[in-house]
Amino acid sequence: MTITNTIAAAVLLAASAAAFAGGPEYVDPAAGFVSSKSRAQVMEELRAARAEGLRVGAESYPGEDAERQARSVDLGDRAQELARDTKPEVWTSGS
């Protein structure tokens, strides 16, 4: 039984190695790309956008600012509601 298990494991190992060996070749995603602007032009546009207060590239996800603003408004409203609804408890001795 041990020999059978060993042979089966060796066959499975060889089959899995063969499956991974025939993978696709790497293709450069920028192959054939021709830039229409110089690096200096791109950097200047980036500086101008940041000067206007825009977030560029990976600095934020689409809609992130709107979601954050909505949460902060909701939390602020909730804090005001809690402050308004919370009344100090007065403890009295006796009944």
PDB file of N, CA and C in Angstrom:
ATOM      1  N   MET A   1       0.824  -1.193   0.000  1.00  0.00           N
ATOM      2  CA  MET A   1       0.000   0.000   0.000  1.00  0.00           C
ATOM      3  C   MET A   1       0.868   1.257   0.000  1.00  0.00           C
ATOM      4  N   THR A   2       1.982   1.266   0.696  1.00  0.00           N
ATOM      5  CA  THR A   2       2.855   2.419   0.767  1.00  0.00           C
ATOM      6  C   THR A   2       3.481   2.723  -0.596  1.00  0.00           C
ATOM      7  N   ILE A   3       3.851   1.673  -1.327  1.00  0.00           N
ATOM      8  CA  ILE A   3       4.447   1.858  -2.645  1.00  0.00           C
ATOM      9  C   ILE A   3       3.409   2.473  -3.592  1.00  0.00           C
ATOM     10  N   THR A   4       2.175   2.023  -3.500  1.00  0.00           N
ATOM     11  CA  THR A   4       1.110   2.547  -4.357  1.00  0.00           C
ATOM     12  C   THR A   4       0.892   4.030  -4.073  1.00  0.00           C
ATOM     13  N   ASN A   5       0.861   4.411  -2.807  1.00  0.00           N
ATOM     14  CA  ASN A   5       0.680   5.824  -2.430  1.00  0.00           C
ATOM     15  C   ASN A   5       1.854   6.673  -2.911  1.00  0.00           C
ATOM     16  N   THR A   6       3.059   6.145  -2.798  1.00  0.00           N
ATOM     17  CA  THR A   6       4.251   6.876  -3.229  1.00  0.00           C
ATOM     18  C   THR A   6       4.234   7.084  -4.742  1.00  0.00           C
ATOM     19  N   ILE A   7       3.868   6.057  -5.487  1.00  0.00           N
ATOM     20  CA  ILE A   7       3.805   6.173  -6.945  1.00  0.00           C
ATOM     21  C   ILE A   7       2.713   7.158  -7.344  1.00  0.00           C
ATOM     22  N   ALA A   8       1.565   7.103  -6.699  1.00  0.00           N
ATOM     23  CA  ALA A   8       0.464   8.019  -7.009  1.00  0.00           C
ATOM     24  C   ALA A   8       0.874   9.462  -6.723  1.00  0.00           C
ATOM     25  N   ALA A   9       1.573   9.685  -5.614  1.00  0.00           N
ATOM     26  CA  ALA A   9       2.030  11.036  -5.276  1.00  0.00           C
ATOM     27  C   ALA A   9       3.043  11.538  -6.303  1.00  0.00           C
ATOM     28  N   ALA A  10       3.925  10.672  -6.755  1.00  0.00           N
ATOM     29  CA  ALA A  10       4.923  11.069  -7.756  1.00  0.00           C
ATOM     30  C   ALA A  10       4.254  11.420  -9.086  1.00  0.00           C
ATOM     31  N   VAL A  11       3.235  10.655  -9.475  1.00  0.00           N
ATOM     32  CA  VAL A  11       2.527  10.929 -10.728  1.00  0.00           C
ATOM     33  C   VAL A  11       1.786  12.260 -10.627  1.00  0.00           C
ATOM     34  N   LEU A  12       1.125  12.527  -9.507  1.00  0.00           N
ATOM     35  CA  LEU A  12       0.416  13.797  -9.310  1.00  0.00           C
ATOM     36  C   LEU A  12       1.383  14.980  -9.300  1.00  0.00           C
ATOM     37  N   LEU A  13       2.530  14.807  -8.687  1.00  0.00           N
ATOM     38  CA  LEU A  13       3.529  15.871  -8.657  1.00  0.00           C
ATOM     39  C   LEU A  13       4.034  16.181 -10.063  1.00  0.00           C
ATOM     40  N   ALA A  14       4.302  15.146 -10.841  1.00  0.00           N
ATOM     41  CA  ALA A  14       4.777  15.343 -12.206  1.00  0.00           C
ATOM     42  C   ALA A  14       3.695  16.012 -13.060  1.00  0.00           C
ATOM     43  N   ALA A  15       2.452  15.634 -12.870  1.00  0.00           N
ATOM     44  CA  ALA A  15       1.353  16.220 -13.644  1.00  0.00           C
ATOM     45  C   ALA A  15       1.154  17.694 -13.282  1.00  0.00           C
ATOM     46  N   SER A  16       1.266  18.026 -12.008  1.00  0.00           N
ATOM     47  CA  SER A  16       1.076  19.427 -11.607  1.00  0.00           C
ATOM     48  C   SER A  16       2.239  20.286 -12.093  1.00  0.00           C
ATOM     49  N   ALA A  17       3.442  19.771 -12.103  1.00  0.00           N
ATOM     50  CA  ALA A  17       4.590  20.529 -12.611  1.00  0.00           C
ATOM     51  C   ALA A  17       4.433  20.780 -14.104  1.00  0.00           C
ATOM     52  N   ALA A  18       3.943  19.813 -14.846  1.00  0.00           N
ATOM     53  CA  ALA A  18       3.737  19.977 -16.284  1.00  0.00           C
ATOM     54  C   ALA A  18       2.642  21.004 -16.564  1.00  0.00           C
ATOM     55  N   ALA A  19       1.644  21.070 -15.705  1.00  0.00           N
ATOM     56  CA  ALA A  19       0.552  22.025 -15.905  1.00  0.00           C
ATOM     57  C   ALA A  19       1.045  23.464 -15.745  1.00  0.00           C
ATOM     58  N   PHE A  20       1.948  23.697 -14.810  1.00  0.00           N
ATOM     59  CA  PHE A  20       2.457  25.049 -14.580  1.00  0.00           C
ATOM     60  C   PHE A  20       3.555  25.439 -15.574  1.00  0.00           C
ATOM     61  N   ALA A  21       4.186  24.481 -16.212  1.00  0.00           N
ATOM     62  CA  ALA A  21       5.295  24.768 -17.115  1.00  0.00           C
ATOM     63  C   ALA A  21       4.844  25.450 -18.398  1.00  0.00           C
ATOM     64  N   GLY A  22       3.620  25.254 -18.832  1.00  0.00           N
ATOM     65  CA  GLY A  22       3.178  25.796 -20.104  1.00  0.00           C
ATOM     66  C   GLY A  22       2.424  27.105 -19.976  1.00  0.00           C
ATOM     67  N   GLY A  23       2.788  27.944 -19.031  1.00  0.00           N
ATOM     68  CA  GLY A  23       2.093  29.206 -18.820  1.00  0.00           C
ATOM     69  C   GLY A  23       2.352  30.205 -19.928  1.00  0.00           C
ATOM     70  N   PRO A  24       1.528  31.251 -19.999  1.00  0.00           N
ATOM     71  CA  PRO A  24       1.711  32.258 -21.048  1.00  0.00           C
ATOM     72  C   PRO A  24       2.988  33.070 -20.823  1.00  0.00           C
ATOM     73  N   GLU A  25       3.531  33.567 -21.918  1.00  0.00           N
ATOM     74  CA  GLU A  25       4.723  34.389 -21.822  1.00  0.00           C
ATOM     75  C   GLU A  25       4.356  35.786 -21.363  1.00  0.00           C
ATOM     76  N   TYR A  26       5.303  36.476 -20.744  1.00  0.00           N
ATOM     77  CA  TYR A  26       5.074  37.835 -20.272  1.00  0.00           C
ATOM     78  C   TYR A  26       5.015  38.792 -21.458  1.00  0.00           C
ATOM     79  N   VAL A  27       4.010  39.645 -21.444  1.00  0.00           N
ATOM     80  CA  VAL A  27       3.864  40.663 -22.480  1.00  0.00           C
ATOM     81  C   VAL A  27       3.901  42.020 -21.790  1.00  0.00           C
ATOM     82  N   ASP A  28       4.813  42.868 -22.190  1.00  0.00           N
ATOM     83  CA  ASP A  28       4.951  44.197 -21.605  1.00  0.00           C
ATOM     84  C   ASP A  28       3.698  45.022 -21.917  1.00  0.00           C
ATOM     85  N   PRO A  29       2.976  45.502 -20.873  1.00  0.00           N
ATOM     86  CA  PRO A  29       1.754  46.258 -21.136  1.00  0.00           C
ATOM     87  C   PRO A  29       2.010  47.593 -21.834  1.00  0.00           C
ATOM     88  N   ALA A  30       3.210  48.138 -21.735  1.00  0.00           N
ATOM     89  CA  ALA A  30       3.522  49.417 -22.360  1.00  0.00           C
ATOM     90  C   ALA A  30       4.155  49.254 -23.739  1.00  0.00           C
ATOM     91  N   ALA A  31       4.138  48.048 -24.254  1.00  0.00           N
ATOM     92  CA  ALA A  31       4.749  47.815 -25.572  1.00  0.00           C
ATOM     93  C   ALA A  31       3.983  48.589 -26.631  1.00  0.00           C
ATOM     94  N   GLY A  32       4.683  49.359 -27.410  1.00  0.00           N
ATOM     95  CA  GLY A  32       4.056  50.125 -28.473  1.00  0.00           C
ATOM     96  C   GLY A  32       3.479  51.462 -28.026  1.00  0.00           C
ATOM     97  N   PHE A  33       3.636  51.823 -26.738  1.00  0.00           N
ATOM     98  CA  PHE A  33       3.104  53.089 -26.240  1.00  0.00           C
ATOM     99  C   PHE A  33       4.028  54.234 -26.651  1.00  0.00           C
ATOM    100  N   VAL A  34       3.436  55.306 -27.181  1.00  0.00           N
ATOM    101  CA  VAL A  34       4.201  56.492 -27.558  1.00  0.00           C
ATOM    102  C   VAL A  34       3.590  57.680 -26.823  1.00  0.00           C
ATOM    103  N   SER A  35       4.376  58.342 -25.999  1.00  0.00           N
ATOM    104  CA  SER A  35       3.887  59.470 -25.227  1.00  0.00           C
ATOM    105  C   SER A  35       3.692  60.692 -26.114  1.00  0.00           C
ATOM    106  N   SER A  36       2.640  61.461 -25.810  1.00  0.00           N
ATOM    107  CA  SER A  36       2.390  62.686 -26.584  1.00  0.00           C
ATOM    108  C   SER A  36       2.887  63.926 -25.843  1.00  0.00           C
ATOM    109  N   LYS A  37       3.324  63.746 -24.571  1.00  0.00           N
ATOM    110  CA  LYS A  37       3.820  64.875 -23.769  1.00  0.00           C
ATOM    111  C   LYS A  37       5.171  64.515 -23.180  1.00  0.00           C
ATOM    112  N   SER A  38       5.929  65.547 -22.882  1.00  0.00           N
ATOM    113  CA  SER A  38       7.216  65.315 -22.231  1.00  0.00           C
ATOM    114  C   SER A  38       6.988  65.144 -20.734  1.00  0.00           C
ATOM    115  N   ARG A  39       7.996  64.642 -20.044  1.00  0.00           N
ATOM    116  CA  ARG A  39       7.895  64.468 -18.599  1.00  0.00           C
ATOM    117  C   ARG A  39       7.680  65.813 -17.916  1.00  0.00           C
ATOM    118  N   ALA A  40       8.341  66.860 -18.392  1.00  0.00           N
ATOM    119  CA  ALA A  40       8.203  68.196 -17.810  1.00  0.00           C
ATOM    120  C   ALA A  40       6.766  68.703 -17.948  1.00  0.00           C
ATOM    121  N   GLN A  41       6.124  68.445 -19.091  1.00  0.00           N
ATOM    122  CA  GLN A  41       4.737  68.871 -19.278  1.00  0.00           C
ATOM    123  C   GLN A  41       3.798  68.142 -18.321  1.00  0.00           C
ATOM    124  N   VAL A  42       4.013  66.860 -18.153  1.00  0.00           N
ATOM    125  CA  VAL A  42       3.178  66.073 -17.246  1.00  0.00           C
ATOM    126  C   VAL A  42       3.361  66.550 -15.810  1.00  0.00           C
ATOM    127  N   MET A  43       4.604  66.793 -15.403  1.00  0.00           N
ATOM    128  CA  MET A  43       4.868  67.268 -14.046  1.00  0.00           C
ATOM    129  C   MET A  43       4.238  68.642 -13.803  1.00  0.00           C
ATOM    130  N   GLU A  44       4.261  69.508 -14.804  1.00  0.00           N
ATOM    131  CA  GLU A  44       3.645  70.828 -14.674  1.00  0.00           C
ATOM    132  C   GLU A  44       2.128  70.701 -14.523  1.00  0.00           C
ATOM    133  N   GLU A  45       1.505  69.830 -15.283  1.00  0.00           N
ATOM    134  CA  GLU A  45       0.065  69.602 -15.143  1.00  0.00           C
ATOM    135  C   GLU A  45      -0.272  69.048 -13.756  1.00  0.00           C
ATOM    136  N   LEU A  46       0.583  68.178 -13.256  1.00  0.00           N
ATOM    137  CA  LEU A  46       0.382  67.608 -11.928  1.00  0.00           C
ATOM    138  C   LEU A  46       0.479  68.684 -10.852  1.00  0.00           C
ATOM    139  N   ARG A  47       1.478  69.556 -10.947  1.00  0.00           N
ATOM    140  CA  ARG A  47       1.620  70.659  -9.988  1.00  0.00           C
ATOM    141  C   ARG A  47       0.406  71.590 -10.048  1.00  0.00           C
ATOM    142  N   ALA A  48      -0.065  71.896 -11.256  1.00  0.00           N
ATOM    143  CA  ALA A  48      -1.226  72.782 -11.412  1.00  0.00           C
ATOM    144  C   ALA A  48      -2.475  72.163 -10.802  1.00  0.00           C
ATOM    145  N   ALA A  49      -2.669  70.876 -11.001  1.00  0.00           N
ATOM    146  CA  ALA A  49      -3.844  70.205 -10.444  1.00  0.00           C
ATOM    147  C   ALA A  49      -3.797  70.203  -8.918  1.00  0.00           C
ATOM    148  N   ARG A  50      -2.627  69.926  -8.359  1.00  0.00           N
ATOM    149  CA  ARG A  50      -2.508  69.927  -6.894  1.00  0.00           C
ATOM    150  C   ARG A  50      -2.674  71.333  -6.329  1.00  0.00           C
ATOM    151  N   ALA A  51      -2.220  72.354  -7.068  1.00  0.00           N
ATOM    152  CA  ALA A  51      -2.383  73.740  -6.622  1.00  0.00           C
ATOM    153  C   ALA A  51      -3.865  74.123  -6.572  1.00  0.00           C
ATOM    154  N   GLU A  52      -4.672  73.524  -7.442  1.00  0.00           N
ATOM    155  CA  GLU A  52      -6.111  73.772  -7.442  1.00  0.00           C
ATOM    156  C   GLU A  52      -6.834  72.966  -6.374  1.00  0.00           C
ATOM    157  N   GLY A  53      -6.102  72.106  -5.669  1.00  0.00           N
ATOM    158  CA  GLY A  53      -6.702  71.313  -4.604  1.00  0.00           C
ATOM    159  C   GLY A  53      -7.241  69.972  -5.062  1.00  0.00           C
ATOM    160  N   LEU A  54      -6.922  69.585  -6.291  1.00  0.00           N
ATOM    161  CA  LEU A  54      -7.394  68.299  -6.801  1.00  0.00           C
ATOM    162  C   LEU A  54      -6.500  67.176  -6.310  1.00  0.00           C
ATOM    163  N   ARG A  55      -7.090  66.045  -6.069  1.00  0.00           N
ATOM    164  CA  ARG A  55      -6.304  64.861  -5.750  1.00  0.00           C
ATOM    165  C   ARG A  55      -6.051  64.122  -7.044  1.00  0.00           C
ATOM    166  N   VAL A  56      -4.833  63.695  -7.231  1.00  0.00           N
ATOM    167  CA  VAL A  56      -4.436  63.129  -8.512  1.00  0.00           C
ATOM    168  C   VAL A  56      -3.974  61.697  -8.321  1.00  0.00           C
ATOM    169  N   GLY A  57      -4.374  60.822  -9.243  1.00  0.00           N
ATOM    170  CA  GLY A  57      -3.887  59.445  -9.254  1.00  0.00           C
ATOM    171  C   GLY A  57      -4.348  58.653  -8.062  1.00  0.00           C
ATOM    172  N   ALA A  58      -3.418  58.022  -7.361  1.00  0.00           N
ATOM    173  CA  ALA A  58      -3.739  57.132  -6.249  1.00  0.00           C
ATOM    174  C   ALA A  58      -3.954  57.886  -4.941  1.00  0.00           C
ATOM    175  N   GLU A  59      -4.044  59.209  -4.993  1.00  0.00           N
ATOM    176  CA  GLU A  59      -4.229  59.982  -3.767  1.00  0.00           C
ATOM    177  C   GLU A  59      -5.623  59.789  -3.179  1.00  0.00           C
ATOM    178  N   SER A  60      -6.606  59.425  -4.001  1.00  0.00           N
ATOM    179  CA  SER A  60      -7.942  59.126  -3.494  1.00  0.00           C
ATOM    180  C   SER A  60      -8.691  58.277  -4.500  1.00  0.00           C
ATOM    181  N   TYR A  61      -9.691  57.594  -4.001  1.00  0.00           N
ATOM    182  CA  TYR A  61     -10.557  56.807  -4.865  1.00  0.00           C
ATOM    183  C   TYR A  61     -11.751  57.658  -5.273  1.00  0.00           C
ATOM    184  N   PRO A  62     -12.367  57.356  -6.406  1.00  0.00           N
ATOM    185  CA  PRO A  62     -13.534  58.133  -6.826  1.00  0.00           C
ATOM    186  C   PRO A  62     -14.648  58.064  -5.780  1.00  0.00           C
ATOM    187  N   GLY A  63     -15.172  59.202  -5.418  1.00  0.00           N
ATOM    188  CA  GLY A  63     -16.264  59.254  -4.455  1.00  0.00           C
ATOM    189  C   GLY A  63     -15.832  59.202  -3.007  1.00  0.00           C
ATOM    190  N   GLU A  64     -14.550  59.059  -2.751  1.00  0.00           N
ATOM    191  CA  GLU A  64     -14.081  58.928  -1.370  1.00  0.00           C
ATOM    192  C   GLU A  64     -14.366  60.188  -0.564  1.00  0.00           C
ATOM    193  N   ASP A  65     -14.135  61.353  -1.157  1.00  0.00           N
ATOM    194  CA  ASP A  65     -14.359  62.597  -0.436  1.00  0.00           C
ATOM    195  C   ASP A  65     -15.831  62.783  -0.091  1.00  0.00           C
ATOM    196  N   ALA A  66     -16.727  62.452  -1.024  1.00  0.00           N
ATOM    197  CA  ALA A  66     -18.156  62.596  -0.768  1.00  0.00           C
ATOM    198  C   ALA A  66     -18.598  61.667   0.355  1.00  0.00           C
ATOM    199  N   GLU A  67     -18.088  60.438   0.354  1.00  0.00           N
ATOM    200  CA  GLU A  67     -18.440  59.497   1.417  1.00  0.00           C
ATOM    201  C   GLU A  67     -17.915  59.981   2.759  1.00  0.00           C
ATOM    202  N   ARG A  68     -16.673  60.458   2.791  1.00  0.00           N
ATOM    203  CA  ARG A  68     -16.097  60.940   4.041  1.00  0.00           C
ATOM    204  C   ARG A  68     -16.877  62.138   4.563  1.00  0.00           C
ATOM    205  N   GLN A  69     -17.261  63.050   3.668  1.00  0.00           N
ATOM    206  CA  GLN A  69     -18.015  64.225   4.085  1.00  0.00           C
ATOM    207  C   GLN A  69     -19.383  63.810   4.620  1.00  0.00           C
ATOM    208  N   ALA A  70     -20.040  62.859   3.964  1.00  0.00           N
ATOM    209  CA  ALA A  70     -21.347  62.391   4.424  1.00  0.00           C
ATOM    210  C   ALA A  70     -21.241  61.758   5.804  1.00  0.00           C
ATOM    211  N   ARG A  71     -20.200  60.974   6.035  1.00  0.00           N
ATOM    212  CA  ARG A  71     -20.012  60.345   7.349  1.00  0.00           C
ATOM    213  C   ARG A  71     -19.766  61.401   8.418  1.00  0.00           C
ATOM    214  N   SER A  72     -18.948  62.414   8.115  1.00  0.00           N
ATOM    215  CA  SER A  72     -18.632  63.416   9.127  1.00  0.00           C
ATOM    216  C   SER A  72     -19.874  64.236   9.461  1.00  0.00           C
ATOM    217  N   VAL A  73     -20.713  64.522   8.472  1.00  0.00           N
ATOM    218  CA  VAL A  73     -21.960  65.246   8.736  1.00  0.00           C
ATOM    219  C   VAL A  73     -22.878  64.385   9.586  1.00  0.00           C
ATOM    220  N   ASP A  74     -22.991  63.109   9.235  1.00  0.00           N
ATOM    221  CA  ASP A  74     -23.850  62.211  10.001  1.00  0.00           C
ATOM    222  C   ASP A  74     -23.362  62.085  11.440  1.00  0.00           C
ATOM    223  N   LEU A  75     -22.047  61.962  11.629  1.00  0.00           N
ATOM    224  CA  LEU A  75     -21.516  61.847  12.982  1.00  0.00           C
ATOM    225  C   LEU A  75     -21.720  63.138  13.763  1.00  0.00           C
ATOM    226  N   GLY A  76     -21.565  64.262  13.090  1.00  0.00           N
ATOM    227  CA  GLY A  76     -21.783  65.542  13.769  1.00  0.00           C
ATOM    228  C   GLY A  76     -23.233  65.701  14.179  1.00  0.00           C
ATOM    229  N   ASP A  77     -24.155  65.353  13.292  1.00  0.00           N
ATOM    230  CA  ASP A  77     -25.579  65.422  13.634  1.00  0.00           C
ATOM    231  C   ASP A  77     -25.898  64.482  14.781  1.00  0.00           C
ATOM    232  N   ARG A  78     -25.327  63.297  14.739  1.00  0.00           N
ATOM    233  CA  ARG A  78     -25.591  62.312  15.794  1.00  0.00           C
ATOM    234  C   ARG A  78     -25.047  62.802  17.129  1.00  0.00           C
ATOM    235  N   ALA A  79     -23.892  63.421  17.129  1.00  0.00           N
ATOM    236  CA  ALA A  79     -23.326  63.945  18.379  1.00  0.00           C
ATOM    237  C   ALA A  79     -24.219  65.039  18.956  1.00  0.00           C
ATOM    238  N   GLN A  80     -24.764  65.896  18.090  1.00  0.00           N
ATOM    239  CA  GLN A  80     -25.674  66.943  18.571  1.00  0.00           C
ATOM    240  C   GLN A  80     -26.953  66.344  19.132  1.00  0.00           C
ATOM    241  N   GLU A  81     -27.466  65.314  18.479  1.00  0.00           N
ATOM    242  CA  GLU A  81     -28.671  64.652  18.983  1.00  0.00           C
ATOM    243  C   GLU A  81     -28.420  64.036  20.344  1.00  0.00           C
ATOM    244  N   LEU A  82     -27.280  63.370  20.490  1.00  0.00           N
ATOM    245  CA  LEU A  82     -26.963  62.750  21.775  1.00  0.00           C
ATOM    246  C   LEU A  82     -26.798  63.799  22.864  1.00  0.00           C
ATOM    247  N   ALA A  83     -26.158  64.904  22.536  1.00  0.00           N
ATOM    248  CA  ALA A  83     -25.966  65.962  23.525  1.00  0.00           C
ATOM    249  C   ALA A  83     -27.310  66.561  23.930  1.00  0.00           C
ATOM    250  N   ARG A  84     -28.210  66.705  22.984  1.00  0.00           N
ATOM    251  CA  ARG A  84     -29.508  67.299  23.257  1.00  0.00           C
ATOM    252  C   ARG A  84     -30.397  66.331  24.053  1.00  0.00           C
ATOM    253  N   ASP A  85     -30.330  65.027  23.730  1.00  0.00           N
ATOM    254  CA  ASP A  85     -31.211  64.046  24.362  1.00  0.00           C
ATOM    255  C   ASP A  85     -30.706  63.570  25.710  1.00  0.00           C
ATOM    256  N   THR A  86     -29.441  63.743  25.973  1.00  0.00           N
ATOM    257  CA  THR A  86     -28.883  63.258  27.233  1.00  0.00           C
ATOM    258  C   THR A  86     -29.088  64.302  28.319  1.00  0.00           C
ATOM    259  N   LYS A  87     -29.763  63.877  29.341  1.00  0.00           N
ATOM    260  CA  LYS A  87     -29.997  64.765  30.477  1.00  0.00           C
ATOM    261  C   LYS A  87     -29.267  64.179  31.669  1.00  0.00           C
ATOM    262  N   PRO A  88     -28.679  65.013  32.473  1.00  0.00           N
ATOM    263  CA  PRO A  88     -27.978  64.478  33.639  1.00  0.00           C
ATOM    264  C   PRO A  88     -28.978  63.845  34.611  1.00  0.00           C
ATOM    265  N   GLU A  89     -28.566  62.723  35.143  1.00  0.00           N
ATOM    266  CA  GLU A  89     -29.436  62.039  36.107  1.00  0.00           C
ATOM    267  C   GLU A  89     -29.162  62.600  37.498  1.00  0.00           C
ATOM    268  N   VAL A  90     -30.208  62.792  38.203  1.00  0.00           N
ATOM    269  CA  VAL A  90     -30.091  63.319  39.569  1.00  0.00           C
ATOM    270  C   VAL A  90     -30.437  62.176  40.514  1.00  0.00           C
ATOM    271  N   TRP A  91     -29.509  61.876  41.384  1.00  0.00           N
ATOM    272  CA  TRP A  91     -29.738  60.803  42.350  1.00  0.00           C
ATOM    273  C   TRP A  91     -30.250  61.404  43.645  1.00  0.00           C
ATOM    274  N   THR A  92     -31.264  60.816  44.116  1.00  0.00           N
ATOM    275  CA  THR A  92     -31.791  61.282  45.414  1.00  0.00           C
ATOM    276  C   THR A  92     -31.740  60.124  46.375  1.00  0.00           C
ATOM    277  N   SER A  93     -31.512  60.445  47.585  1.00  0.00           N
ATOM    278  CA  SER A  93     -31.509  59.378  48.601  1.00  0.00           C
ATOM    279  C   SER A  93     -32.932  59.165  49.087  1.00  0.00           C
ATOM    280  N   GLY A  94     -33.220  57.991  49.473  1.00  0.00           N
ATOM    281  CA  GLY A  94     -34.581  57.680  49.941  1.00  0.00           C
ATOM    282  C   GLY A  94     -35.412  57.159  48.803  1.00  0.00           C
ATOM    283  N   SER A  95     -36.711  57.258  48.961  1.00  0.00           N
ATOM    284  CA  SER A  95     -37.610  56.716  47.936  1.00  0.00           C
ATOM    285  C   SER A  95     -38.015  57.712  46.984  1.00  0.00           C
TER     286      SER A  95
END
